[in-house]
């Protein structure tokens, strides 16, 4: 599965998503290939409202050190 970010663009009288050439090659796709598209909504307004409600909150304080990572 390949994940990438792309903008919806006008294609004739429709809208489309451009898939980068490198992704097409890696996934062995060509014109006419059938794909499954998972659309993720990037509307962060609800998150912005939530974070706005946290104004004035005390900073996070870690109660124990993180384990050492290599």
PDB file of N, CA and C in Angstrom:
ATOM      1  N   UNK A   1       0.853  -1.176   0.000  1.00  0.00           N
ATOM      2  CA  UNK A   1       0.000   0.000   0.000  1.00  0.00           C
ATOM      3  C   UNK A   1       0.899   1.238   0.000  1.00  0.00           C
ATOM      4  N   UNK A   2       0.587   2.181  -0.845  1.00  0.00           N
ATOM      5  CA  UNK A   2       1.326   3.428  -0.939  1.00  0.00           C
ATOM      6  C   UNK A   2       0.481   4.547  -0.352  1.00  0.00           C
ATOM      7  N   UNK A   3       1.097   5.426   0.410  1.00  0.00           N
ATOM      8  CA  UNK A   3       0.405   6.578   0.972  1.00  0.00           C
ATOM      9  C   UNK A   3       1.106   7.831   0.474  1.00  0.00           C
ATOM     10  N   UNK A   4       0.328   8.767  -0.065  1.00  0.00           N
ATOM     11  CA  UNK A   4       0.881  10.037  -0.494  1.00  0.00           C
ATOM     12  C   UNK A   4      -0.208  11.088  -0.385  1.00  0.00           C
ATOM     13  N   UNK A   5       0.201  12.340  -0.409  1.00  0.00           N
ATOM     14  CA  UNK A   5      -0.738  13.457  -0.324  1.00  0.00           C
ATOM     15  C   UNK A   5      -0.806  14.100  -1.699  1.00  0.00           C
ATOM     16  N   UNK A   6      -2.021  14.399  -2.134  1.00  0.00           N
ATOM     17  CA  UNK A   6      -2.209  15.031  -3.425  1.00  0.00           C
ATOM     18  C   UNK A   6      -3.397  15.966  -3.354  1.00  0.00           C
ATOM     19  N   UNK A   7      -3.426  16.945  -4.252  1.00  0.00           N
ATOM     20  CA  UNK A   7      -4.549  17.879  -4.306  1.00  0.00           C
ATOM     21  C   UNK A   7      -5.529  17.423  -5.379  1.00  0.00           C
ATOM     22  N   UNK A   8      -6.797  17.685  -5.162  1.00  0.00           N
ATOM     23  CA  UNK A   8      -7.816  17.432  -6.175  1.00  0.00           C
ATOM     24  C   UNK A   8      -7.710  18.567  -7.186  1.00  0.00           C
ATOM     25  N   UNK A   9      -7.639  18.195  -8.472  1.00  0.00           N
ATOM     26  CA  UNK A   9      -7.437  19.176  -9.539  1.00  0.00           C
ATOM     27  C   UNK A   9      -8.493  18.997 -10.624  1.00  0.00           C
ATOM     28  N   UNK A  10      -8.758  20.054 -11.366  1.00  0.00           N
ATOM     29  CA  UNK A  10      -9.706  19.929 -12.472  1.00  0.00           C
ATOM     30  C   UNK A  10      -9.122  19.083 -13.603  1.00  0.00           C
ATOM     31  N   UNK A  11      -9.908  18.162 -14.116  1.00  0.00           N
ATOM     32  CA  UNK A  11      -9.541  17.344 -15.278  1.00  0.00           C
ATOM     33  C   UNK A  11     -10.736  17.356 -16.220  1.00  0.00           C
ATOM     34  N   UNK A  12     -10.703  18.216 -17.206  1.00  0.00           N
ATOM     35  CA  UNK A  12     -11.858  18.366 -18.086  1.00  0.00           C
ATOM     36  C   UNK A  12     -13.021  18.927 -17.298  1.00  0.00           C
ATOM     37  N   UNK A  13     -14.180  18.258 -17.392  1.00  0.00           N
ATOM     38  CA  UNK A  13     -15.354  18.715 -16.640  1.00  0.00           C
ATOM     39  C   UNK A  13     -15.484  17.975 -15.307  1.00  0.00           C
ATOM     40  N   UNK A  14     -14.448  17.256 -14.910  1.00  0.00           N
ATOM     41  CA  UNK A  14     -14.443  16.497 -13.655  1.00  0.00           C
ATOM     42  C   UNK A  14     -13.306  16.978 -12.765  1.00  0.00           C
ATOM     43  N   UNK A  15     -13.130  16.299 -11.674  1.00  0.00           N
ATOM     44  CA  UNK A  15     -11.987  16.531 -10.786  1.00  0.00           C
ATOM     45  C   UNK A  15     -11.205  15.233 -10.687  1.00  0.00           C
ATOM     46  N   UNK A  16      -9.902  15.335 -10.474  1.00  0.00           N
ATOM     47  CA  UNK A  16      -9.084  14.146 -10.378  1.00  0.00           C
ATOM     48  C   UNK A  16      -7.913  14.341  -9.444  1.00  0.00           C
ATOM     49  N   UNK A  17      -7.217  13.248  -9.181  1.00  0.00           N
ATOM     50  CA  UNK A  17      -6.036  13.251  -8.324  1.00  0.00           C
ATOM     51  C   UNK A  17      -4.874  12.740  -9.165  1.00  0.00           C
ATOM     52  N   UNK A  18      -3.786  13.466  -9.158  1.00  0.00           N
ATOM     53  CA  UNK A  18      -2.593  13.047  -9.886  1.00  0.00           C
ATOM     54  C   UNK A  18      -1.793  12.102  -8.995  1.00  0.00           C
ATOM     55  N   UNK A  19      -1.448  10.936  -9.549  1.00  0.00           N
ATOM     56  CA  UNK A  19      -0.627   9.959  -8.830  1.00  0.00           C
ATOM     57  C   UNK A  19       0.793  10.091  -9.374  1.00  0.00           C
ATOM     58  N   UNK A  20       1.767  10.348  -8.502  1.00  0.00           N
ATOM     59  CA  UNK A  20       3.151  10.518  -8.964  1.00  0.00           C
ATOM     60  C   UNK A  20       3.659   9.289  -9.735  1.00  0.00           C
ATOM     61  N   UNK A  21       4.480   9.558 -10.755  1.00  0.00           N
ATOM     62  CA  UNK A  21       5.016   8.513 -11.623  1.00  0.00           C
ATOM     63  C   UNK A  21       5.737   7.418 -10.827  1.00  0.00           C
ATOM     64  N   UNK A  22       6.473   7.819  -9.790  1.00  0.00           N
ATOM     65  CA  UNK A  22       7.220   6.845  -8.981  1.00  0.00           C
ATOM     66  C   UNK A  22       6.270   5.864  -8.288  1.00  0.00           C
ATOM     67  N   UNK A  23       5.133   6.378  -7.811  1.00  0.00           N
ATOM     68  CA  UNK A  23       4.146   5.518  -7.133  1.00  0.00           C
ATOM     69  C   UNK A  23       3.532   4.553  -8.147  1.00  0.00           C
ATOM     70  N   UNK A  24       3.203   5.067  -9.333  1.00  0.00           N
ATOM     71  CA  UNK A  24       2.627   4.216 -10.375  1.00  0.00           C
ATOM     72  C   UNK A  24       3.567   3.072 -10.732  1.00  0.00           C
ATOM     73  N   UNK A  25       4.836   3.402 -10.896  1.00  0.00           N
ATOM     74  CA  UNK A  25       5.830   2.380 -11.255  1.00  0.00           C
ATOM     75  C   UNK A  25       5.983   1.350 -10.144  1.00  0.00           C
ATOM     76  N   UNK A  26       6.100   1.829  -8.911  1.00  0.00           N
ATOM     77  CA  UNK A  26       6.293   0.929  -7.769  1.00  0.00           C
ATOM     78  C   UNK A  26       5.096   0.000  -7.570  1.00  0.00           C
ATOM     79  N   UNK A  27       3.890   0.514  -7.846  1.00  0.00           N
ATOM     80  CA  UNK A  27       2.669  -0.282  -7.663  1.00  0.00           C
ATOM     81  C   UNK A  27       2.281  -1.031  -8.942  1.00  0.00           C
ATOM     82  N   UNK A  28       3.106  -0.918  -9.985  1.00  0.00           N
ATOM     83  CA  UNK A  28       2.846  -1.582 -11.259  1.00  0.00           C
ATOM     84  C   UNK A  28       1.467  -1.196 -11.827  1.00  0.00           C
ATOM     85  N   UNK A  29       1.179   0.115 -11.848  1.00  0.00           N
ATOM     86  CA  UNK A  29      -0.088   0.624 -12.356  1.00  0.00           C
ATOM     87  C   UNK A  29       0.130   1.347 -13.680  1.00  0.00           C
ATOM     88  N   UNK A  30      -0.860   1.292 -14.528  1.00  0.00           N
ATOM     89  CA  UNK A  30      -0.817   2.027 -15.785  1.00  0.00           C
ATOM     90  C   UNK A  30      -2.225   2.507 -16.118  1.00  0.00           C
ATOM     91  N   UNK A  31      -2.366   3.246 -17.212  1.00  0.00           N
ATOM     92  CA  UNK A  31      -3.670   3.754 -17.602  1.00  0.00           C
ATOM     93  C   UNK A  31      -4.664   2.602 -17.709  1.00  0.00           C
ATOM     94  N   UNK A  32      -5.816   2.777 -17.078  1.00  0.00           N
ATOM     95  CA  UNK A  32      -6.849   1.746 -17.090  1.00  0.00           C
ATOM     96  C   UNK A  32      -6.798   0.806 -15.889  1.00  0.00           C
ATOM     97  N   UNK A  33      -5.711   0.869 -15.101  1.00  0.00           N
ATOM     98  CA  UNK A  33      -5.626   0.028 -13.902  1.00  0.00           C
ATOM     99  C   UNK A  33      -6.722   0.424 -12.922  1.00  0.00           C
ATOM    100  N   UNK A  34      -7.270  -0.555 -12.252  1.00  0.00           N
ATOM    101  CA  UNK A  34      -8.284  -0.275 -11.237  1.00  0.00           C
ATOM    102  C   UNK A  34      -7.603  -0.150  -9.886  1.00  0.00           C
ATOM    103  N   UNK A  35      -7.965   0.912  -9.146  1.00  0.00           N
ATOM    104  CA  UNK A  35      -7.385   1.133  -7.820  1.00  0.00           C
ATOM    105  C   UNK A  35      -8.507   1.335  -6.801  1.00  0.00           C
ATOM    106  N   UNK A  36      -8.159   1.193  -5.557  1.00  0.00           N
ATOM    107  CA  UNK A  36      -9.074   1.509  -4.461  1.00  0.00           C
ATOM    108  C   UNK A  36      -8.524   2.752  -3.782  1.00  0.00           C
ATOM    109  N   UNK A  37      -9.374   3.752  -3.598  1.00  0.00           N
ATOM    110  CA  UNK A  37      -8.955   5.030  -3.046  1.00  0.00           C
ATOM    111  C   UNK A  37      -9.594   5.220  -1.681  1.00  0.00           C
ATOM    112  N   UNK A  38      -8.782   5.455  -0.667  1.00  0.00           N
ATOM    113  CA  UNK A  38      -9.271   5.711   0.682  1.00  0.00           C
ATOM    114  C   UNK A  38      -9.127   7.211   0.930  1.00  0.00           C
ATOM    115  N   UNK A  39     -10.237   7.910   1.076  1.00  0.00           N
ATOM    116  CA  UNK A  39     -10.213   9.357   1.252  1.00  0.00           C
ATOM    117  C   UNK A  39     -10.223   9.686   2.738  1.00  0.00           C
ATOM    118  N   UNK A  40      -9.254  10.487   3.156  1.00  0.00           N
ATOM    119  CA  UNK A  40      -9.149  10.905   4.551  1.00  0.00           C
ATOM    120  C   UNK A  40      -9.467  12.387   4.611  1.00  0.00           C
ATOM    121  N   UNK A  41     -10.443  12.737   5.403  1.00  0.00           N
ATOM    122  CA  UNK A  41     -10.854  14.137   5.547  1.00  0.00           C
ATOM    123  C   UNK A  41      -9.792  14.868   6.354  1.00  0.00           C
ATOM    124  N   UNK A  42      -9.334  15.973   5.826  1.00  0.00           N
ATOM    125  CA  UNK A  42      -8.310  16.746   6.536  1.00  0.00           C
ATOM    126  C   UNK A  42      -8.878  18.037   7.104  1.00  0.00           C
ATOM    127  N   UNK A  43     -10.132  18.010   7.493  1.00  0.00           N
ATOM    128  CA  UNK A  43     -10.762  19.170   8.119  1.00  0.00           C
ATOM    129  C   UNK A  43     -10.407  19.132   9.603  1.00  0.00           C
ATOM    130  N   UNK A  44      -9.501  20.012   9.999  1.00  0.00           N
ATOM    131  CA  UNK A  44      -9.014  20.016  11.380  1.00  0.00           C
ATOM    132  C   UNK A  44      -9.753  21.029  12.256  1.00  0.00           C
ATOM    133  N   UNK A  45     -10.886  21.554  11.780  1.00  0.00           N
ATOM    134  CA  UNK A  45     -11.557  22.609  12.538  1.00  0.00           C
ATOM    135  C   UNK A  45     -12.007  22.120  13.915  1.00  0.00           C
ATOM    136  N   UNK A  46     -12.461  20.868  14.019  1.00  0.00           N
ATOM    137  CA  UNK A  46     -12.882  20.345  15.322  1.00  0.00           C
ATOM    138  C   UNK A  46     -11.678  20.267  16.266  1.00  0.00           C
ATOM    139  N   UNK A  47     -10.530  19.843  15.737  1.00  0.00           N
ATOM    140  CA  UNK A  47      -9.315  19.762  16.549  1.00  0.00           C
ATOM    141  C   UNK A  47      -8.869  21.158  16.971  1.00  0.00           C
ATOM    142  N   UNK A  48      -8.960  22.111  16.048  1.00  0.00           N
ATOM    143  CA  UNK A  48      -8.603  23.492  16.389  1.00  0.00           C
ATOM    144  C   UNK A  48      -9.485  24.019  17.510  1.00  0.00           C
ATOM    145  N   UNK A  49     -10.772  23.718  17.448  1.00  0.00           N
ATOM    146  CA  UNK A  49     -11.683  24.173  18.515  1.00  0.00           C
ATOM    147  C   UNK A  49     -11.319  23.520  19.842  1.00  0.00           C
ATOM    148  N   UNK A  50     -10.984  22.238  19.812  1.00  0.00           N
ATOM    149  CA  UNK A  50     -10.601  21.531  21.033  1.00  0.00           C
ATOM    150  C   UNK A  50      -9.330  22.127  21.622  1.00  0.00           C
ATOM    151  N   UNK A  51      -8.330  22.341  20.781  1.00  0.00           N
ATOM    152  CA  UNK A  51      -7.079  22.886  21.273  1.00  0.00           C
ATOM    153  C   UNK A  51      -7.261  24.319  21.759  1.00  0.00           C
ATOM    154  N   UNK A  52      -8.155  25.063  21.119  1.00  0.00           N
ATOM    155  CA  UNK A  52      -8.444  26.410  21.569  1.00  0.00           C
ATOM    156  C   UNK A  52      -9.027  26.407  22.969  1.00  0.00           C
ATOM    157  N   UNK A  53      -9.762  25.340  23.310  1.00  0.00           N
ATOM    158  CA  UNK A  53     -10.351  25.264  24.642  1.00  0.00           C
ATOM    159  C   UNK A  53      -9.319  24.932  25.702  1.00  0.00           C
ATOM    160  N   UNK A  54      -8.117  24.526  25.273  1.00  0.00           N
ATOM    161  CA  UNK A  54      -7.057  24.159  26.212  1.00  0.00           C
ATOM    162  C   UNK A  54      -6.178  25.351  26.580  1.00  0.00           C
ATOM    163  N   UNK A  55      -6.470  26.510  26.030  1.00  0.00           N
ATOM    164  CA  UNK A  55      -5.667  27.687  26.361  1.00  0.00           C
ATOM    165  C   UNK A  55      -5.706  27.919  27.867  1.00  0.00           C
ATOM    166  N   UNK A  56      -4.577  28.207  28.423  1.00  0.00           N
ATOM    167  CA  UNK A  56      -4.510  28.437  29.856  1.00  0.00           C
ATOM    168  C   UNK A  56      -4.228  27.160  30.643  1.00  0.00           C
ATOM    169  N   UNK A  57      -4.196  26.008  29.964  1.00  0.00           N
ATOM    170  CA  UNK A  57      -3.895  24.751  30.655  1.00  0.00           C
ATOM    171  C   UNK A  57      -2.419  24.724  31.036  1.00  0.00           C
ATOM    172  N   UNK A  58      -2.105  24.038  32.108  1.00  0.00           N
ATOM    173  CA  UNK A  58      -0.715  23.932  32.550  1.00  0.00           C
ATOM    174  C   UNK A  58       0.067  23.041  31.589  1.00  0.00           C
ATOM    175  N   UNK A  59       1.371  23.293  31.423  1.00  0.00           N
ATOM    176  CA  UNK A  59       2.182  22.458  30.531  1.00  0.00           C
ATOM    177  C   UNK A  59       2.256  21.025  31.035  1.00  0.00           C
ATOM    178  N   UNK A  60       2.429  20.105  30.115  1.00  0.00           N
ATOM    179  CA  UNK A  60       2.561  18.689  30.446  1.00  0.00           C
ATOM    180  C   UNK A  60       3.876  18.451  31.172  1.00  0.00           C
ATOM    181  N   UNK A  61       3.824  17.661  32.231  1.00  0.00           N
ATOM    182  CA  UNK A  61       5.027  17.293  32.968  1.00  0.00           C
ATOM    183  C   UNK A  61       5.100  15.770  32.995  1.00  0.00           C
ATOM    184  N   UNK A  62       6.222  15.235  32.493  1.00  0.00           N
ATOM    185  CA  UNK A  62       6.394  13.784  32.446  1.00  0.00           C
ATOM    186  C   UNK A  62       6.653  13.267  33.861  1.00  0.00           C
ATOM    187  N   UNK A  63       5.938  12.198  34.241  1.00  0.00           N
ATOM    188  CA  UNK A  63       6.097  11.667  35.592  1.00  0.00           C
ATOM    189  C   UNK A  63       7.213  10.637  35.683  1.00  0.00           C
ATOM    190  N   UNK A  64       7.705  10.158  34.530  1.00  0.00           N
ATOM    191  CA  UNK A  64       8.843   9.233  34.546  1.00  0.00           C
ATOM    192  C   UNK A  64       9.605   9.397  33.227  1.00  0.00           C
ATOM    193  N   UNK A  65      10.896   9.106  33.228  1.00  0.00           N
ATOM    194  CA  UNK A  65      11.689   9.286  32.010  1.00  0.00           C
ATOM    195  C   UNK A  65      11.298   8.284  30.932  1.00  0.00           C
ATOM    196  N   UNK A  66      11.521   8.655  29.686  1.00  0.00           N
ATOM    197  CA  UNK A  66      11.286   7.745  28.576  1.00  0.00           C
ATOM    198  C   UNK A  66      12.328   6.650  28.581  1.00  0.00           C
ATOM    199  N   UNK A  67      11.964   5.432  28.137  1.00  0.00           N
ATOM    200  CA  UNK A  67      12.970   4.388  28.015  1.00  0.00           C
ATOM    201  C   UNK A  67      13.973   4.764  26.934  1.00  0.00           C
ATOM    202  N   UNK A  68      15.195   4.335  27.108  1.00  0.00           N
ATOM    203  CA  UNK A  68      16.261   4.656  26.144  1.00  0.00           C
ATOM    204  C   UNK A  68      15.988   3.943  24.824  1.00  0.00           C
ATOM    205  N   UNK A  69      16.053   4.701  23.718  1.00  0.00           N
ATOM    206  CA  UNK A  69      15.864   4.119  22.381  1.00  0.00           C
ATOM    207  C   UNK A  69      17.184   4.142  21.638  1.00  0.00           C
ATOM    208  N   UNK A  70      17.370   3.146  20.810  1.00  0.00           N
ATOM    209  CA  UNK A  70      18.611   3.070  20.015  1.00  0.00           C
ATOM    210  C   UNK A  70      18.358   3.530  18.622  1.00  0.00           C
TER     211      UNK A  70
END
